[in-house]
N, C-alpha and C. Protein backbone atom coordinates (compact mmCIF):
# COMPACT_ATOMS: atom_id res chain seq x y z
N MET A 1 73.43 14.95 107.43
CA MET A 1 72.76 14.09 106.52
C MET A 1 73.39 13.32 105.64
N ARG A 2 72.92 12.32 105.08
CA ARG A 2 73.29 11.36 104.32
C ARG A 2 72.60 11.28 103.01
N ALA A 3 73.91 11.24 101.86
CA ALA A 3 72.92 11.29 100.78
C ALA A 3 73.00 9.36 100.11
N SER A 4 72.66 9.39 99.10
CA SER A 4 73.07 8.10 98.48
C SER A 4 73.78 8.11 96.93
N VAL A 5 74.18 7.52 96.15
CA VAL A 5 74.43 7.47 94.76
C VAL A 5 73.76 7.16 94.13
N GLN A 6 73.09 8.50 93.62
CA GLN A 6 71.97 7.58 92.13
C GLN A 6 72.59 7.23 91.03
N GLU A 7 73.63 8.17 90.55
CA GLU A 7 74.45 7.28 89.00
C GLU A 7 75.47 8.00 89.41
N ILE A 8 76.29 7.87 87.91
CA ILE A 8 77.42 8.24 87.85
C ILE A 8 77.62 8.60 86.49
N VAL A 9 77.44 10.41 85.90
CA VAL A 9 77.70 10.50 85.01
C VAL A 9 79.07 10.83 84.35
N PHE A 10 79.22 11.17 83.19
CA PHE A 10 80.30 11.21 82.70
C PHE A 10 79.47 11.97 80.93
N ASP A 11 80.63 13.16 80.98
CA ASP A 11 80.92 14.36 80.03
C ASP A 11 81.29 13.54 78.62
N CYS A 12 80.57 13.67 77.41
CA CYS A 12 81.21 13.22 76.57
C CYS A 12 80.55 13.90 75.36
N ALA A 13 81.19 13.20 74.27
CA ALA A 13 80.34 13.80 72.72
C ALA A 13 79.93 13.14 72.37
N ASP A 14 79.46 11.94 72.70
CA ASP A 14 78.93 11.03 72.07
C ASP A 14 78.10 9.99 72.83
N PRO A 15 76.78 10.75 73.73
CA PRO A 15 76.03 9.48 74.75
C PRO A 15 76.13 8.18 74.44
N ALA A 16 75.12 8.14 73.05
CA ALA A 16 75.15 6.92 72.08
C ALA A 16 75.84 6.02 72.30
N ALA A 17 76.93 5.96 71.98
CA ALA A 17 78.12 5.25 71.36
C ALA A 17 78.92 5.08 72.35
N LEU A 18 78.92 5.85 73.59
CA LEU A 18 79.43 5.93 74.71
C LEU A 18 78.98 4.78 76.12
N VAL A 19 77.89 4.60 75.97
CA VAL A 19 77.15 3.97 76.89
C VAL A 19 76.77 2.42 76.38
N ARG A 20 76.70 2.42 75.11
CA ARG A 20 76.58 1.11 74.17
C ARG A 20 78.26 0.41 74.73
N PHE A 21 79.38 1.21 74.63
CA PHE A 21 80.80 0.45 75.18
C PHE A 21 80.55 -0.19 76.85
N TRP A 22 80.09 0.95 77.37
CA TRP A 22 80.24 0.91 78.92
C TRP A 22 79.09 -0.59 79.56
N ALA A 23 78.28 -0.42 78.34
CA ALA A 23 76.97 -1.59 78.23
C ALA A 23 77.92 -2.94 78.16
N GLU A 24 78.09 -2.80 77.61
CA GLU A 24 78.76 -4.31 76.67
C GLU A 24 79.98 -4.50 77.44
N LEU A 25 80.63 -3.49 78.44
CA LEU A 25 81.90 -3.99 79.58
C LEU A 25 81.13 -4.83 80.06
N LEU A 26 80.39 -3.78 81.00
CA LEU A 26 79.46 -3.93 82.62
C LEU A 26 78.26 -5.15 82.25
N GLY A 27 77.78 -5.14 81.61
CA GLY A 27 75.87 -5.88 81.01
C GLY A 27 74.97 -4.10 81.35
N GLY A 28 73.49 -4.83 81.10
CA GLY A 28 72.74 -4.08 81.33
C GLY A 28 72.47 -3.36 79.96
N ALA A 29 70.98 -2.87 79.65
CA ALA A 29 70.66 -2.29 77.90
C ALA A 29 70.66 -0.87 77.93
N PRO A 30 71.63 -0.67 77.14
CA PRO A 30 71.58 0.95 76.83
C PRO A 30 70.25 1.74 76.68
N VAL A 31 70.15 2.62 77.78
CA VAL A 31 68.92 3.44 76.85
C VAL A 31 69.45 4.79 76.61
N ASP A 32 68.90 5.69 75.28
CA ASP A 32 69.27 6.48 74.52
C ASP A 32 67.62 7.21 75.54
N ARG A 33 68.19 8.38 76.26
CA ARG A 33 66.82 9.15 76.99
C ARG A 33 66.47 10.15 75.80
N SER A 34 67.71 10.72 75.06
CA SER A 34 67.96 12.16 74.30
C SER A 34 69.11 11.72 73.51
N GLY A 35 69.61 12.76 72.58
CA GLY A 35 69.86 12.69 71.72
C GLY A 35 71.48 13.32 72.09
N ASP A 36 71.17 13.82 73.94
CA ASP A 36 72.31 14.12 74.54
C ASP A 36 72.31 13.57 75.85
N TRP A 37 71.81 12.71 76.35
CA TRP A 37 71.62 11.49 77.74
C TRP A 37 71.47 10.55 77.10
N SER A 38 72.19 9.36 77.54
CA SER A 38 71.96 8.22 77.67
C SER A 38 72.60 7.54 79.27
N TYR A 39 72.18 6.54 79.15
CA TYR A 39 72.58 5.52 80.58
C TYR A 39 72.35 4.07 80.34
N VAL A 40 73.06 3.88 81.34
CA VAL A 40 72.77 1.37 81.32
C VAL A 40 72.83 1.61 82.89
N ASP A 41 71.81 1.03 83.56
CA ASP A 41 71.47 0.08 84.84
C ASP A 41 72.41 -1.25 84.79
N PRO A 42 74.14 -0.75 84.99
CA PRO A 42 74.40 -2.49 85.07
C PRO A 42 73.79 -3.30 86.35
N PRO A 43 73.96 -4.44 86.51
CA PRO A 43 73.81 -5.33 86.97
C PRO A 43 74.35 -5.53 88.47
N GLY A 44 73.97 -4.77 90.13
CA GLY A 44 74.89 -5.29 90.87
C GLY A 44 75.87 -3.65 90.95
N PHE A 45 75.30 -2.55 90.00
CA PHE A 45 75.76 -1.40 90.74
C PHE A 45 74.67 -0.39 90.27
N VAL A 46 75.33 0.81 90.55
CA VAL A 46 75.24 1.85 90.05
C VAL A 46 74.53 2.41 88.68
N ARG A 47 73.34 3.29 88.13
CA ARG A 47 73.06 3.70 86.78
C ARG A 47 74.48 4.52 86.52
N LEU A 48 75.48 4.06 85.08
CA LEU A 48 76.06 5.35 84.60
C LEU A 48 75.03 6.07 83.42
N ALA A 49 75.50 7.26 83.64
CA ALA A 49 74.94 8.66 82.46
C ALA A 49 76.15 8.85 81.96
N PHE A 50 75.57 8.97 80.46
CA PHE A 50 76.48 10.39 79.51
C PHE A 50 75.53 11.03 79.48
N GLN A 51 76.54 12.15 79.47
CA GLN A 51 75.61 13.57 78.82
C GLN A 51 76.43 13.93 78.04
N ARG A 52 75.87 14.75 76.96
CA ARG A 52 76.98 15.31 75.85
C ARG A 52 77.29 16.69 76.45
N VAL A 53 78.61 17.11 76.11
CA VAL A 53 78.76 18.85 76.09
C VAL A 53 79.86 19.25 74.99
N PRO A 54 79.68 20.30 75.48
CA PRO A 54 80.79 20.90 73.90
C PRO A 54 82.26 20.73 74.11
N GLU A 55 82.41 20.65 75.17
CA GLU A 55 84.09 20.58 75.14
C GLU A 55 84.82 19.37 75.27
N GLY A 56 86.09 19.17 74.44
CA GLY A 56 86.33 17.81 74.71
C GLY A 56 87.30 17.43 75.67
N LYS A 57 87.66 16.30 76.35
CA LYS A 57 88.20 16.10 77.00
C LYS A 57 89.93 16.07 76.97
N ALA A 58 90.67 17.18 78.17
CA ALA A 58 91.65 17.57 78.16
C ALA A 58 92.52 16.95 78.62
N VAL A 59 92.23 16.07 80.19
CA VAL A 59 93.62 16.06 81.12
C VAL A 59 92.62 14.75 81.71
N LYS A 60 93.73 14.25 82.52
CA LYS A 60 93.18 12.87 83.13
C LYS A 60 92.17 12.85 84.13
N ASN A 61 91.38 12.19 84.29
CA ASN A 61 90.27 11.83 85.42
C ASN A 61 90.39 12.34 86.57
N ARG A 62 89.64 12.82 87.27
CA ARG A 62 89.88 13.10 88.69
C ARG A 62 89.46 11.74 89.45
N VAL A 63 88.52 11.46 88.54
CA VAL A 63 88.07 10.07 89.10
C VAL A 63 87.81 9.12 88.69
N HIS A 64 87.93 7.56 88.65
CA HIS A 64 87.97 6.63 87.93
C HIS A 64 87.33 5.54 88.66
N LEU A 65 86.67 4.41 87.55
CA LEU A 65 86.27 3.05 87.74
C LEU A 65 87.71 2.11 87.89
N ASP A 66 87.54 1.66 89.11
CA ASP A 66 88.37 0.14 89.02
C ASP A 66 87.17 -0.81 88.99
N LEU A 67 87.40 -2.15 88.00
CA LEU A 67 86.99 -3.33 87.64
C LEU A 67 87.50 -4.13 88.18
N GLU A 68 86.86 -4.93 89.30
CA GLU A 68 87.68 -5.86 89.39
C GLU A 68 87.17 -7.58 88.23
N VAL A 69 88.43 -7.86 87.53
CA VAL A 69 88.24 -8.93 87.14
C VAL A 69 89.58 -9.81 87.93
N PRO A 70 88.75 -11.42 86.71
CA PRO A 70 90.21 -12.19 87.27
C PRO A 70 91.31 -11.74 86.60
N ASP A 71 91.42 -11.61 85.38
CA ASP A 71 92.76 -11.37 84.39
C ASP A 71 93.08 -9.99 83.92
N PRO A 72 93.76 -8.78 84.67
CA PRO A 72 93.39 -7.69 84.10
C PRO A 72 94.09 -7.92 82.66
N GLY A 73 94.88 -8.76 82.40
CA GLY A 73 95.45 -8.46 80.99
C GLY A 73 94.65 -8.93 79.97
N GLN A 74 93.90 -10.00 80.50
CA GLN A 74 92.91 -10.38 79.17
C GLN A 74 92.03 -9.68 79.43
N ALA A 75 91.29 -9.45 80.58
CA ALA A 75 90.42 -7.90 80.09
C ALA A 75 90.57 -7.01 79.14
N ALA A 76 91.81 -6.83 79.79
CA ALA A 76 92.05 -5.45 78.20
C ALA A 76 92.38 -5.73 77.03
N ASP A 77 92.35 -7.80 76.58
CA ASP A 77 92.68 -7.80 75.72
C ASP A 77 90.94 -7.98 75.20
N GLU A 78 90.39 -8.05 75.99
CA GLU A 78 88.87 -8.18 75.35
C GLU A 78 88.04 -6.86 75.28
N THR A 79 88.69 -6.20 75.64
CA THR A 79 88.27 -4.87 75.83
C THR A 79 88.44 -4.16 74.23
N LEU A 80 89.85 -4.15 73.95
CA LEU A 80 89.71 -3.42 72.53
C LEU A 80 89.21 -3.42 71.66
N PRO A 81 88.72 -4.56 71.30
CA PRO A 81 88.11 -4.47 70.00
C PRO A 81 86.57 -3.93 70.45
N LEU A 82 85.76 -3.30 71.65
CA LEU A 82 85.30 -2.37 71.63
C LEU A 82 85.49 -1.24 71.75
N GLY A 83 86.38 -0.41 71.50
CA GLY A 83 87.08 0.45 71.36
C GLY A 83 88.22 1.31 72.62
N ALA A 84 88.12 0.37 73.56
CA ALA A 84 89.12 1.07 74.23
C ALA A 84 90.69 1.22 74.38
N SER A 85 91.27 1.16 74.98
CA SER A 85 92.88 1.59 74.90
C SER A 85 93.24 1.58 76.04
N ARG A 86 94.73 0.46 76.32
CA ARG A 86 95.69 0.12 77.44
C ARG A 86 96.68 1.83 77.46
N VAL A 87 96.64 2.60 79.10
CA VAL A 87 97.57 3.35 79.52
C VAL A 87 98.44 2.24 79.73
N GLY A 88 99.42 2.35 79.12
CA GLY A 88 100.83 1.73 79.93
C GLY A 88 100.98 0.72 79.81
N ASP A 89 101.77 -0.18 81.16
CA ASP A 89 102.13 -1.95 81.16
C ASP A 89 100.92 -2.30 82.46
N LEU A 90 100.82 -3.69 82.01
CA LEU A 90 99.71 -4.22 82.78
C LEU A 90 101.07 -4.04 84.88
N VAL A 91 100.36 -3.75 85.09
CA VAL A 91 101.48 -3.93 87.13
C VAL A 91 100.56 -4.89 88.15
N LYS A 92 102.02 -5.59 87.86
CA LYS A 92 101.51 -6.60 89.55
C LYS A 92 102.64 -6.52 90.45
N ASP A 93 101.78 -6.76 91.28
CA ASP A 93 103.03 -6.84 92.69
C ASP A 93 102.06 -7.36 94.19
N GLU A 94 102.67 -7.57 95.03
CA GLU A 94 102.26 -8.49 96.31
C GLU A 94 100.86 -8.09 96.29
N GLN A 95 99.77 -7.52 96.15
CA GLN A 95 98.73 -6.95 96.32
C GLN A 95 97.95 -7.13 95.38
N GLY A 96 98.29 -7.64 94.02
CA GLY A 96 97.78 -7.82 93.04
C GLY A 96 98.11 -7.38 91.76
N ALA A 97 97.10 -6.54 90.83
CA ALA A 97 97.74 -6.29 89.67
C ALA A 97 96.30 -5.42 88.92
N PHE A 98 96.94 -4.03 87.93
CA PHE A 98 95.85 -3.36 87.46
C PHE A 98 96.21 -3.31 86.05
N GLN A 99 95.60 -2.53 84.86
CA GLN A 99 95.49 -2.48 84.01
C GLN A 99 95.02 -1.03 83.88
N VAL A 100 95.72 0.33 83.73
CA VAL A 100 94.78 0.80 83.25
C VAL A 100 94.49 1.57 82.07
N MET A 101 93.04 1.61 81.88
CA MET A 101 93.07 1.34 79.96
C MET A 101 91.79 2.94 79.59
N ARG A 102 91.65 3.37 78.58
CA ARG A 102 90.39 4.68 78.36
C ARG A 102 89.41 4.19 77.19
N ASP A 103 87.98 4.77 77.96
CA ASP A 103 87.35 4.25 76.91
C ASP A 103 87.04 4.55 75.47
N PRO A 104 86.22 4.53 75.10
CA PRO A 104 86.82 5.44 73.30
C PRO A 104 86.80 6.75 72.99
N GLU A 105 86.03 7.28 74.53
CA GLU A 105 86.37 8.98 74.77
C GLU A 105 86.93 8.98 75.52
N GLY A 106 88.48 8.12 76.20
CA GLY A 106 89.42 8.69 76.72
C GLY A 106 89.54 8.53 77.93
N ASN A 107 88.26 8.41 78.55
CA ASN A 107 87.58 8.29 80.25
C ASN A 107 88.72 6.91 80.95
N GLU A 108 89.56 7.16 81.81
CA GLU A 108 90.39 6.21 82.37
C GLU A 108 89.26 5.29 83.18
N PHE A 109 89.71 4.10 82.84
CA PHE A 109 89.70 3.35 83.93
C PHE A 109 90.54 2.18 84.51
N CYS A 110 89.58 1.73 85.20
CA CYS A 110 91.23 0.38 85.56
C CYS A 110 90.47 -1.17 85.51
N PHE A 111 91.12 -2.33 85.40
CA PHE A 111 90.28 -3.22 85.67
C PHE A 111 91.69 -3.59 86.72
N VAL A 112 91.16 -4.09 87.84
CA VAL A 112 92.06 -4.86 88.78
C VAL A 112 91.78 -6.18 89.41
N THR A 113 92.78 -6.89 90.17
CA THR A 113 92.60 -8.13 90.91
C THR A 113 93.63 -7.57 92.31
N GLY A 114 92.56 -8.41 93.64
CA GLY A 114 92.92 -8.13 94.75
C GLY A 114 92.49 -6.75 95.57
């Protein structure tokens, strides 16, 4: 059996706020299906959905998104006003560069080149 990815779901405290962050970052219109469930369909990517859960985020994500950008440092700077935060410094090597980030609820993602 083969399956296909329908959507990637993030557990969160505030689906309506978090979907707006990701919609601003990746494009697409945020949709609030209920107070506990929101989603966005970014152009050229699978749906991202956000579901309310009672518990807070306690540890590092086991899975994260790598978002390709021309300049990870500049992308990080532009995302800070949206509520993102940097994790550590920009890393550069012969393969490219990456900057680890957190969304407003602490979910890690990376801006990458290469």
